Amino acid sequence: MYQQEQIQELFGKQVLDLRDRLANQIPQQIAEFSKVDYFYFAPSLPKVLQEEQEFSQAVAYLCAFDNPEPDKIECVAIVILGAWLSSDKSNVSLREILEKSRQSQPSYIRYFGSQDVQIDPEVKKILAKIQRFTYSISKGFLQWQFANGLEEGTLPYSIETENFRRFQERVKQNKPMTFDELEIHF
């Protein structure tokens, strides 16, 4: 197997020339927010994310979490790369790739919708009665905590999805009164 130095030695000039050619061909209408980059060669995605800080930060921005852990950043990158790989690249927009990515479970890709999606008022009342349980909505995901962080998590689907609607229906139907009763509905 070739090492990083050997690959750059064999293909470095060709790759860098290609990068420069592509950078000069970015259409004017997207040039302000587009960039061509040369990625570090690595045997795994976690290593690429570690070495390519700008890429890692961009993926972290798309993540549903504030200050996401490396495993969440990796999950988002895997989902986005999978959506891109499975798309017809001759005619696909970034929005389509992002929406395809958000269909995956778990995707942990933040909600970008303009509408303010709310939790059902009846579900809010039920959750408020569960002792030592708190939650918040961040970037479109319900993040919860029990017993001041003894247990915590995030539902793996955002609040505008059908899965979240079904979660709310289960909560309204079963009316859990304890965290243990609620947890089976996650």
N, C-alpha and C. Protein backbone atom coordinates (compact mmCIF):
# COMPACT_ATOMS: atom_id res chain seq x y z
N MET A 1 0.84 -1.18 0.00
CA MET A 1 0.00 0.00 0.00
C MET A 1 0.89 1.24 0.00
N TYR A 2 0.48 2.23 -0.79
CA TYR A 2 1.25 3.47 -0.89
C TYR A 2 1.10 4.32 0.37
N GLN A 3 2.17 4.98 0.74
CA GLN A 3 2.15 5.93 1.85
C GLN A 3 1.81 7.32 1.28
N GLN A 4 1.44 8.23 2.17
CA GLN A 4 1.07 9.60 1.79
C GLN A 4 2.13 10.23 0.88
N GLU A 5 3.39 10.12 1.27
CA GLU A 5 4.47 10.76 0.51
C GLU A 5 4.58 10.17 -0.90
N GLN A 6 4.41 8.83 -1.01
CA GLN A 6 4.50 8.18 -2.31
C GLN A 6 3.37 8.63 -3.23
N ILE A 7 2.19 8.75 -2.68
CA ILE A 7 1.04 9.18 -3.48
C ILE A 7 1.24 10.60 -3.96
N GLN A 8 1.68 11.48 -3.05
CA GLN A 8 1.92 12.86 -3.47
C GLN A 8 3.04 12.92 -4.50
N GLU A 9 4.06 12.08 -4.33
CA GLU A 9 5.16 12.05 -5.27
C GLU A 9 4.68 11.59 -6.65
N LEU A 10 3.83 10.55 -6.67
CA LEU A 10 3.33 10.01 -7.94
C LEU A 10 2.26 10.90 -8.57
N PHE A 11 1.31 11.39 -7.73
CA PHE A 11 0.15 12.07 -8.27
C PHE A 11 0.02 13.53 -7.83
N GLY A 12 0.90 13.97 -6.95
CA GLY A 12 0.78 15.30 -6.35
C GLY A 12 0.60 16.42 -7.36
N LYS A 13 1.45 16.50 -8.36
CA LYS A 13 1.36 17.58 -9.33
C LYS A 13 0.07 17.48 -10.13
N GLN A 14 -0.30 16.28 -10.53
CA GLN A 14 -1.56 16.10 -11.28
C GLN A 14 -2.76 16.53 -10.44
N VAL A 15 -2.77 16.11 -9.19
CA VAL A 15 -3.89 16.45 -8.30
C VAL A 15 -3.93 17.95 -8.06
N LEU A 16 -2.78 18.54 -7.80
CA LEU A 16 -2.74 19.98 -7.55
C LEU A 16 -3.12 20.77 -8.80
N ASP A 17 -2.71 20.30 -9.97
CA ASP A 17 -3.11 20.95 -11.22
C ASP A 17 -4.62 20.85 -11.42
N LEU A 18 -5.18 19.68 -11.12
CA LEU A 18 -6.63 19.49 -11.23
C LEU A 18 -7.35 20.43 -10.27
N ARG A 19 -6.87 20.50 -9.05
CA ARG A 19 -7.46 21.41 -8.07
C ARG A 19 -7.47 22.84 -8.59
N ASP A 20 -6.36 23.29 -9.14
CA ASP A 20 -6.27 24.66 -9.65
C ASP A 20 -7.20 24.88 -10.84
N ARG A 21 -7.27 23.89 -11.74
CA ARG A 21 -8.17 24.00 -12.90
C ARG A 21 -9.63 24.11 -12.44
N LEU A 22 -10.03 23.24 -11.50
CA LEU A 22 -11.40 23.27 -11.00
C LEU A 22 -11.70 24.58 -10.28
N ALA A 23 -10.76 25.08 -9.52
CA ALA A 23 -10.95 26.35 -8.80
C ALA A 23 -11.17 27.49 -9.78
N ASN A 24 -10.50 27.45 -10.91
CA ASN A 24 -10.67 28.51 -11.92
C ASN A 24 -11.95 28.36 -12.72
N GLN A 25 -12.61 27.21 -12.61
CA GLN A 25 -13.84 26.96 -13.37
C GLN A 25 -15.11 27.10 -12.53
N ILE A 26 -15.00 27.57 -11.31
CA ILE A 26 -16.19 27.74 -10.48
C ILE A 26 -17.08 28.81 -11.11
N PRO A 27 -18.35 28.48 -11.38
CA PRO A 27 -19.25 29.48 -11.98
C PRO A 27 -19.36 30.73 -11.11
N GLN A 28 -19.43 31.86 -11.75
CA GLN A 28 -19.46 33.15 -11.06
C GLN A 28 -20.59 33.24 -10.03
N GLN A 29 -21.76 32.67 -10.36
CA GLN A 29 -22.92 32.79 -9.46
C GLN A 29 -22.74 32.03 -8.14
N ILE A 30 -21.80 31.11 -8.06
CA ILE A 30 -21.57 30.39 -6.80
C ILE A 30 -20.16 30.62 -6.26
N ALA A 31 -19.35 31.41 -6.94
CA ALA A 31 -17.95 31.60 -6.55
C ALA A 31 -17.80 32.18 -5.15
N GLU A 32 -18.73 33.01 -4.73
CA GLU A 32 -18.63 33.65 -3.42
C GLU A 32 -18.69 32.65 -2.26
N PHE A 33 -19.38 31.54 -2.46
CA PHE A 33 -19.52 30.56 -1.38
C PHE A 33 -19.08 29.16 -1.79
N SER A 34 -18.19 29.08 -2.77
CA SER A 34 -17.68 27.78 -3.22
C SER A 34 -16.16 27.75 -3.17
N LYS A 35 -15.64 26.54 -3.05
CA LYS A 35 -14.20 26.39 -2.94
C LYS A 35 -13.81 24.99 -3.41
N VAL A 36 -12.66 24.87 -4.02
CA VAL A 36 -12.09 23.57 -4.37
C VAL A 36 -10.93 23.35 -3.41
N ASP A 37 -10.89 22.16 -2.83
CA ASP A 37 -9.85 21.89 -1.85
C ASP A 37 -9.22 20.53 -2.14
N TYR A 38 -8.00 20.37 -1.71
CA TYR A 38 -7.29 19.11 -1.81
C TYR A 38 -7.28 18.50 -0.42
N PHE A 39 -7.85 17.30 -0.29
CA PHE A 39 -7.96 16.66 1.01
C PHE A 39 -6.76 15.78 1.30
N TYR A 40 -6.43 15.77 2.54
CA TYR A 40 -5.40 14.89 3.08
C TYR A 40 -5.77 13.44 2.76
N PHE A 41 -4.81 12.66 2.30
CA PHE A 41 -5.06 11.24 2.05
C PHE A 41 -4.98 10.50 3.38
N ALA A 42 -6.03 9.78 3.72
CA ALA A 42 -6.05 9.03 4.97
C ALA A 42 -6.80 7.73 4.77
N PRO A 43 -6.47 6.72 5.53
CA PRO A 43 -7.13 5.42 5.38
C PRO A 43 -8.54 5.39 5.98
N SER A 44 -8.93 6.45 6.72
CA SER A 44 -10.26 6.44 7.34
C SER A 44 -10.83 7.85 7.43
N LEU A 45 -12.14 7.92 7.50
CA LEU A 45 -12.82 9.21 7.64
C LEU A 45 -12.45 9.92 8.94
N PRO A 46 -12.39 9.23 10.08
CA PRO A 46 -11.99 9.94 11.30
C PRO A 46 -10.63 10.63 11.16
N LYS A 47 -9.70 9.99 10.46
CA LYS A 47 -8.38 10.60 10.26
C LYS A 47 -8.49 11.83 9.36
N VAL A 48 -9.32 11.77 8.32
CA VAL A 48 -9.53 12.94 7.46
C VAL A 48 -10.12 14.08 8.28
N LEU A 49 -11.12 13.78 9.10
CA LEU A 49 -11.75 14.81 9.94
C LEU A 49 -10.73 15.40 10.93
N GLN A 50 -9.84 14.58 11.41
CA GLN A 50 -8.82 15.05 12.34
C GLN A 50 -7.82 15.97 11.63
N GLU A 51 -7.43 15.61 10.43
CA GLU A 51 -6.41 16.37 9.69
C GLU A 51 -6.96 17.58 8.96
N GLU A 52 -8.20 17.51 8.52
CA GLU A 52 -8.81 18.59 7.74
C GLU A 52 -9.77 19.40 8.64
N GLN A 53 -9.20 20.32 9.40
CA GLN A 53 -9.98 21.07 10.37
C GLN A 53 -11.11 21.88 9.74
N GLU A 54 -10.87 22.47 8.59
CA GLU A 54 -11.91 23.26 7.93
C GLU A 54 -13.11 22.39 7.54
N PHE A 55 -12.82 21.20 7.02
CA PHE A 55 -13.87 20.25 6.68
C PHE A 55 -14.61 19.81 7.94
N SER A 56 -13.87 19.48 8.98
CA SER A 56 -14.47 19.05 10.24
C SER A 56 -15.37 20.15 10.82
N GLN A 57 -14.95 21.39 10.75
CA GLN A 57 -15.75 22.51 11.26
C GLN A 57 -17.02 22.70 10.42
N ALA A 58 -16.92 22.51 9.12
CA ALA A 58 -18.10 22.63 8.26
C ALA A 58 -19.11 21.54 8.60
N VAL A 59 -18.64 20.32 8.81
CA VAL A 59 -19.54 19.23 9.17
C VAL A 59 -20.13 19.48 10.56
N ALA A 60 -19.33 19.98 11.49
CA ALA A 60 -19.82 20.29 12.84
C ALA A 60 -20.93 21.35 12.78
N TYR A 61 -20.82 22.32 11.87
CA TYR A 61 -21.85 23.33 11.70
C TYR A 61 -23.18 22.69 11.29
N LEU A 62 -23.11 21.67 10.46
CA LEU A 62 -24.32 20.99 10.00
C LEU A 62 -24.93 20.08 11.07
N CYS A 63 -24.17 19.80 12.10
CA CYS A 63 -24.58 18.87 13.15
C CYS A 63 -25.67 19.48 14.04
N ALA A 64 -26.55 18.63 14.53
CA ALA A 64 -27.67 19.06 15.37
C ALA A 64 -27.24 19.44 16.78
N PHE A 65 -25.98 19.27 17.12
CA PHE A 65 -25.51 19.51 18.47
C PHE A 65 -24.64 20.76 18.53
N ASP A 66 -24.70 21.44 19.66
CA ASP A 66 -23.73 22.48 19.94
C ASP A 66 -22.48 21.77 20.43
N ASN A 67 -21.32 22.15 19.94
CA ASN A 67 -20.05 21.52 20.30
C ASN A 67 -20.13 19.99 20.21
N PRO A 68 -20.41 19.47 19.02
CA PRO A 68 -20.58 18.02 18.87
C PRO A 68 -19.30 17.24 19.14
N GLU A 69 -19.49 16.07 19.70
CA GLU A 69 -18.38 15.14 19.93
C GLU A 69 -17.91 14.59 18.58
N PRO A 70 -16.66 14.11 18.50
CA PRO A 70 -16.14 13.58 17.24
C PRO A 70 -17.01 12.48 16.62
N ASP A 71 -17.63 11.63 17.44
CA ASP A 71 -18.46 10.56 16.87
C ASP A 71 -19.69 11.11 16.17
N LYS A 72 -20.24 12.24 16.66
CA LYS A 72 -21.41 12.86 16.02
C LYS A 72 -21.00 13.53 14.71
N ILE A 73 -19.84 14.17 14.71
CA ILE A 73 -19.33 14.78 13.47
C ILE A 73 -19.09 13.70 12.42
N GLU A 74 -18.50 12.59 12.85
CA GLU A 74 -18.26 11.48 11.93
C GLU A 74 -19.58 10.93 11.38
N CYS A 75 -20.59 10.79 12.23
CA CYS A 75 -21.89 10.28 11.80
C CYS A 75 -22.49 11.19 10.72
N VAL A 76 -22.45 12.50 10.96
CA VAL A 76 -22.98 13.45 9.98
C VAL A 76 -22.19 13.37 8.67
N ALA A 77 -20.87 13.30 8.76
CA ALA A 77 -20.05 13.20 7.54
C ALA A 77 -20.37 11.93 6.76
N ILE A 78 -20.52 10.81 7.46
CA ILE A 78 -20.84 9.54 6.80
C ILE A 78 -22.17 9.63 6.07
N VAL A 79 -23.16 10.21 6.72
CA VAL A 79 -24.49 10.32 6.12
C VAL A 79 -24.45 11.22 4.88
N ILE A 80 -23.77 12.36 4.99
CA ILE A 80 -23.70 13.29 3.85
C ILE A 80 -22.91 12.67 2.70
N LEU A 81 -21.79 12.05 3.00
CA LEU A 81 -20.99 11.41 1.94
C LEU A 81 -21.77 10.26 1.30
N GLY A 82 -22.51 9.51 2.10
CA GLY A 82 -23.35 8.44 1.56
C GLY A 82 -24.42 8.97 0.64
N ALA A 83 -25.06 10.07 1.03
CA ALA A 83 -26.09 10.68 0.18
C ALA A 83 -25.48 11.17 -1.13
N TRP A 84 -24.30 11.76 -1.05
CA TRP A 84 -23.64 12.25 -2.26
C TRP A 84 -23.24 11.08 -3.16
N LEU A 85 -22.66 10.04 -2.57
CA LEU A 85 -22.25 8.88 -3.38
C LEU A 85 -23.42 8.20 -4.07
N SER A 86 -24.58 8.20 -3.42
CA SER A 86 -25.74 7.51 -3.99
C SER A 86 -26.58 8.41 -4.89
N SER A 87 -26.13 9.63 -5.14
CA SER A 87 -26.88 10.57 -5.97
C SER A 87 -26.34 10.61 -7.40
N ASP A 88 -27.20 11.02 -8.31
CA ASP A 88 -26.78 11.27 -9.69
C ASP A 88 -26.05 12.61 -9.70
N LYS A 89 -24.74 12.55 -9.72
CA LYS A 89 -23.93 13.76 -9.59
C LYS A 89 -23.98 14.68 -10.81
N SER A 90 -24.60 14.24 -11.88
CA SER A 90 -24.68 15.09 -13.07
C SER A 90 -25.76 16.15 -12.91
N ASN A 91 -26.67 15.93 -11.96
CA ASN A 91 -27.76 16.90 -11.82
C ASN A 91 -28.33 16.86 -10.40
N VAL A 92 -27.52 17.22 -9.43
CA VAL A 92 -27.99 17.21 -8.04
C VAL A 92 -27.52 18.50 -7.36
N SER A 93 -28.41 19.05 -6.56
CA SER A 93 -28.06 20.28 -5.84
C SER A 93 -27.60 19.92 -4.43
N LEU A 94 -26.93 20.85 -3.79
CA LEU A 94 -26.53 20.65 -2.41
C LEU A 94 -27.75 20.48 -1.51
N ARG A 95 -28.80 21.22 -1.79
CA ARG A 95 -30.04 21.10 -1.01
C ARG A 95 -30.59 19.68 -1.11
N GLU A 96 -30.56 19.09 -2.31
CA GLU A 96 -31.05 17.72 -2.48
C GLU A 96 -30.20 16.72 -1.69
N ILE A 97 -28.89 16.92 -1.70
CA ILE A 97 -28.01 16.04 -0.95
C ILE A 97 -28.28 16.19 0.55
N LEU A 98 -28.45 17.42 0.99
CA LEU A 98 -28.74 17.66 2.40
C LEU A 98 -30.07 17.05 2.81
N GLU A 99 -31.09 17.20 1.98
CA GLU A 99 -32.39 16.62 2.29
C GLU A 99 -32.34 15.09 2.27
N LYS A 100 -31.61 14.54 1.31
CA LYS A 100 -31.43 13.08 1.28
C LYS A 100 -30.71 12.60 2.54
N SER A 101 -29.74 13.36 2.98
CA SER A 101 -29.00 13.04 4.20
C SER A 101 -29.91 13.06 5.42
N ARG A 102 -30.80 14.02 5.47
CA ARG A 102 -31.68 14.16 6.62
C ARG A 102 -32.70 13.02 6.70
N GLN A 103 -32.89 12.27 5.62
CA GLN A 103 -33.81 11.14 5.63
C GLN A 103 -33.22 9.92 6.35
N SER A 104 -31.89 9.90 6.50
CA SER A 104 -31.22 8.77 7.14
C SER A 104 -31.49 8.77 8.64
N GLN A 105 -31.38 7.59 9.24
CA GLN A 105 -31.55 7.46 10.68
C GLN A 105 -30.35 6.78 11.28
N PRO A 106 -29.67 7.33 12.23
CA PRO A 106 -29.80 8.72 12.63
C PRO A 106 -29.01 9.59 11.67
N SER A 107 -29.45 10.81 11.48
CA SER A 107 -28.70 11.71 10.62
C SER A 107 -28.03 12.79 11.44
N TYR A 108 -28.67 13.26 12.48
CA TYR A 108 -28.15 14.31 13.34
C TYR A 108 -27.75 15.56 12.56
N ILE A 109 -28.45 15.81 11.46
CA ILE A 109 -28.20 17.02 10.69
C ILE A 109 -29.24 18.05 11.09
N ARG A 110 -28.77 19.19 11.46
CA ARG A 110 -29.63 20.24 12.01
C ARG A 110 -30.78 20.61 11.09
N TYR A 111 -31.81 21.16 11.68
CA TYR A 111 -32.99 21.60 10.96
C TYR A 111 -32.73 23.01 10.42
N PHE A 112 -32.96 23.21 9.13
CA PHE A 112 -32.73 24.51 8.51
C PHE A 112 -34.01 25.19 8.07
N GLY A 113 -35.15 24.61 8.39
CA GLY A 113 -36.42 25.16 7.94
C GLY A 113 -36.68 26.54 8.49
N SER A 114 -37.46 27.30 7.75
CA SER A 114 -37.78 28.65 8.18
C SER A 114 -38.96 28.67 9.15
N GLN A 115 -39.77 27.62 9.11
CA GLN A 115 -40.91 27.60 10.00
C GLN A 115 -40.47 27.20 11.41
N ASP A 116 -41.18 27.73 12.40
CA ASP A 116 -40.87 27.43 13.79
C ASP A 116 -41.71 26.22 14.20
N VAL A 117 -41.12 25.04 14.19
CA VAL A 117 -41.83 23.81 14.51
C VAL A 117 -41.89 23.69 16.03
N GLN A 118 -43.07 23.43 16.54
CA GLN A 118 -43.28 23.37 17.98
C GLN A 118 -43.65 21.96 18.43
N ILE A 119 -43.40 21.70 19.69
CA ILE A 119 -43.84 20.45 20.30
C ILE A 119 -45.32 20.61 20.62
N ASP A 120 -46.06 19.54 20.44
CA ASP A 120 -47.48 19.51 20.74
C ASP A 120 -47.70 19.95 22.20
N PRO A 121 -48.64 20.89 22.46
CA PRO A 121 -48.87 21.38 23.83
C PRO A 121 -49.22 20.26 24.82
N GLU A 122 -49.95 19.25 24.37
CA GLU A 122 -50.28 18.13 25.25
C GLU A 122 -49.02 17.35 25.63
N VAL A 123 -48.10 17.18 24.69
CA VAL A 123 -46.84 16.49 24.98
C VAL A 123 -46.02 17.31 25.96
N LYS A 124 -46.00 18.62 25.79
CA LYS A 124 -45.28 19.49 26.73
C LYS A 124 -45.79 19.29 28.16
N LYS A 125 -47.11 19.23 28.32
CA LYS A 125 -47.70 19.05 29.65
C LYS A 125 -47.29 17.70 30.24
N ILE A 126 -47.31 16.66 29.44
CA ILE A 126 -46.93 15.32 29.91
C ILE A 126 -45.47 15.30 30.34
N LEU A 127 -44.59 15.87 29.50
CA LEU A 127 -43.16 15.88 29.81
C LEU A 127 -42.86 16.72 31.05
N ALA A 128 -43.60 17.80 31.25
CA ALA A 128 -43.39 18.67 32.40
C ALA A 128 -43.70 17.96 33.72
N LYS A 129 -44.55 16.96 33.69
CA LYS A 129 -44.93 16.24 34.91
C LYS A 129 -43.94 15.14 35.30
N ILE A 130 -43.02 14.80 34.42
CA ILE A 130 -42.05 13.75 34.72
C ILE A 130 -40.93 14.34 35.59
N GLN A 131 -40.83 13.84 36.80
CA GLN A 131 -39.86 14.38 37.74
C GLN A 131 -38.43 14.18 37.26
N ARG A 132 -37.64 15.22 37.46
CA ARG A 132 -36.20 15.25 37.15
C ARG A 132 -35.90 15.08 35.66
N PHE A 133 -36.88 15.28 34.81
CA PHE A 133 -36.69 15.19 33.35
C PHE A 133 -36.75 16.60 32.78
N THR A 134 -35.75 16.97 32.01
CA THR A 134 -35.76 18.26 31.31
C THR A 134 -35.42 18.01 29.85
N TYR A 135 -35.81 18.95 29.01
CA TYR A 135 -35.50 18.84 27.59
C TYR A 135 -35.40 20.23 26.99
N SER A 136 -34.80 20.28 25.83
CA SER A 136 -34.77 21.51 25.05
C SER A 136 -34.76 21.12 23.58
N ILE A 137 -35.10 22.08 22.76
CA ILE A 137 -35.01 21.89 21.31
C ILE A 137 -33.82 22.70 20.84
N SER A 138 -32.87 22.02 20.22
CA SER A 138 -31.69 22.69 19.69
C SER A 138 -31.48 22.25 18.26
N LYS A 139 -31.45 23.21 17.36
CA LYS A 139 -31.20 22.95 15.94
C LYS A 139 -32.17 21.92 15.39
N GLY A 140 -33.41 21.90 15.95
CA GLY A 140 -34.45 21.03 15.44
C GLY A 140 -34.53 19.66 16.09
N PHE A 141 -33.71 19.38 17.10
CA PHE A 141 -33.71 18.08 17.75
C PHE A 141 -34.06 18.22 19.22
N LEU A 142 -34.80 17.24 19.74
CA LEU A 142 -35.12 17.22 21.15
C LEU A 142 -33.95 16.59 21.90
N GLN A 143 -33.34 17.41 22.74
CA GLN A 143 -32.24 16.94 23.57
C GLN A 143 -32.77 16.88 25.00
N TRP A 144 -32.58 15.75 25.65
CA TRP A 144 -33.16 15.53 26.97
C TRP A 144 -32.11 15.18 28.00
N GLN A 145 -32.51 15.35 29.25
CA GLN A 145 -31.64 15.04 30.37
C GLN A 145 -32.50 14.55 31.52
N PHE A 146 -32.00 13.56 32.22
CA PHE A 146 -32.70 13.03 33.39
C PHE A 146 -31.76 13.06 34.58
N ALA A 147 -32.29 13.47 35.72
CA ALA A 147 -31.56 13.50 37.00
C ALA A 147 -30.25 14.28 36.87
N ASN A 148 -30.36 15.50 36.38
CA ASN A 148 -29.20 16.40 36.25
C ASN A 148 -28.02 15.78 35.52
N GLY A 149 -28.31 15.05 34.45
CA GLY A 149 -27.25 14.51 33.60
C GLY A 149 -26.88 13.08 33.89
N LEU A 150 -27.57 12.44 34.83
CA LEU A 150 -27.31 11.02 35.08
C LEU A 150 -27.49 10.24 33.78
N GLU A 151 -28.54 10.59 33.07
CA GLU A 151 -28.76 10.07 31.72
C GLU A 151 -29.12 11.26 30.84
N GLU A 152 -28.67 11.22 29.60
CA GLU A 152 -29.00 12.28 28.65
C GLU A 152 -28.90 11.75 27.24
N GLY A 153 -29.54 12.44 26.33
CA GLY A 153 -29.50 11.99 24.95
C GLY A 153 -30.22 12.94 24.03
N THR A 154 -30.30 12.53 22.79
CA THR A 154 -30.97 13.29 21.75
C THR A 154 -31.78 12.31 20.92
N LEU A 155 -33.03 12.65 20.66
CA LEU A 155 -33.81 11.79 19.76
C LEU A 155 -33.12 11.79 18.40
N PRO A 156 -33.06 10.66 17.72
CA PRO A 156 -32.29 10.57 16.47
C PRO A 156 -33.03 11.10 15.24
N TYR A 157 -34.10 11.84 15.44
CA TYR A 157 -34.84 12.43 14.33
C TYR A 157 -35.29 13.82 14.73
N SER A 158 -35.33 14.72 13.77
CA SER A 158 -35.67 16.11 14.08
C SER A 158 -37.17 16.29 14.20
N ILE A 159 -37.55 17.42 14.79
CA ILE A 159 -38.94 17.62 15.20
C ILE A 159 -39.92 17.84 14.05
N GLU A 160 -39.45 18.06 12.85
CA GLU A 160 -40.39 18.25 11.74
C GLU A 160 -40.66 16.95 10.99
N THR A 161 -40.07 15.85 11.44
CA THR A 161 -40.21 14.58 10.72
C THR A 161 -41.43 13.78 11.17
N GLU A 162 -41.77 12.82 10.34
CA GLU A 162 -42.86 11.89 10.66
C GLU A 162 -42.52 11.07 11.90
N ASN A 163 -41.26 10.70 12.06
CA ASN A 163 -40.85 9.94 13.24
C ASN A 163 -41.11 10.72 14.53
N PHE A 164 -40.86 12.02 14.50
CA PHE A 164 -41.12 12.82 15.69
C PHE A 164 -42.63 12.92 15.95
N ARG A 165 -43.40 13.05 14.89
CA ARG A 165 -44.86 13.09 15.05
C ARG A 165 -45.34 11.79 15.70
N ARG A 166 -44.79 10.66 15.26
CA ARG A 166 -45.17 9.37 15.85
C ARG A 166 -44.73 9.28 17.32
N PHE A 167 -43.55 9.81 17.63
CA PHE A 167 -43.10 9.85 19.02
C PHE A 167 -44.11 10.62 19.87
N GLN A 168 -44.54 11.78 19.39
CA GLN A 168 -45.51 12.58 20.14
C GLN A 168 -46.83 11.83 20.32
N GLU A 169 -47.26 11.13 19.28
CA GLU A 169 -48.51 10.35 19.38
C GLU A 169 -48.39 9.26 20.43
N ARG A 170 -47.24 8.58 20.48
CA ARG A 170 -47.03 7.54 21.49
C ARG A 170 -47.06 8.14 22.90
N VAL A 171 -46.44 9.30 23.06
CA VAL A 171 -46.42 9.96 24.37
C VAL A 171 -47.85 10.35 24.77
N LYS A 172 -48.62 10.91 23.84
CA LYS A 172 -50.00 11.31 24.17
C LYS A 172 -50.87 10.09 24.46
N GLN A 173 -50.66 9.03 23.74
CA GLN A 173 -51.47 7.83 23.93
C GLN A 173 -51.16 7.14 25.25
N ASN A 174 -49.87 7.04 25.61
CA ASN A 174 -49.45 6.29 26.79
C ASN A 174 -49.31 7.14 28.06
N LYS A 175 -49.20 8.44 27.90
CA LYS A 175 -49.09 9.38 29.02
C LYS A 175 -48.11 8.90 30.10
N PRO A 176 -46.84 8.76 29.77
CA PRO A 176 -45.87 8.29 30.75
C PRO A 176 -45.77 9.26 31.93
N MET A 177 -45.59 8.70 33.13
CA MET A 177 -45.51 9.52 34.34
C MET A 177 -44.11 9.47 34.96
N THR A 178 -43.27 8.54 34.49
CA THR A 178 -41.90 8.43 34.99
C THR A 178 -40.95 8.41 33.79
N PHE A 179 -39.68 8.64 34.08
CA PHE A 179 -38.69 8.60 33.02
C PHE A 179 -38.62 7.21 32.39
N ASP A 180 -38.69 6.16 33.23
CA ASP A 180 -38.65 4.80 32.70
C ASP A 180 -39.79 4.54 31.73
N GLU A 181 -40.96 5.06 32.03
CA GLU A 181 -42.13 4.88 31.14
C GLU A 181 -41.93 5.68 29.85
N LEU A 182 -41.30 6.85 29.94
CA LEU A 182 -41.06 7.69 28.77
C LEU A 182 -39.98 7.09 27.87
N GLU A 183 -38.94 6.58 28.49
CA GLU A 183 -37.76 6.13 27.74
C GLU A 183 -38.08 5.06 26.70
N ILE A 184 -39.06 4.23 26.94
CA ILE A 184 -39.39 3.19 25.96
C ILE A 184 -39.97 3.77 24.69
N HIS A 185 -40.36 5.04 24.70
CA HIS A 185 -40.93 5.68 23.52
C HIS A 185 -39.88 6.40 22.67
N PHE A 186 -38.66 6.49 23.19
CA PHE A 186 -37.59 7.15 22.43
C PHE A 186 -37.28 6.30 21.24
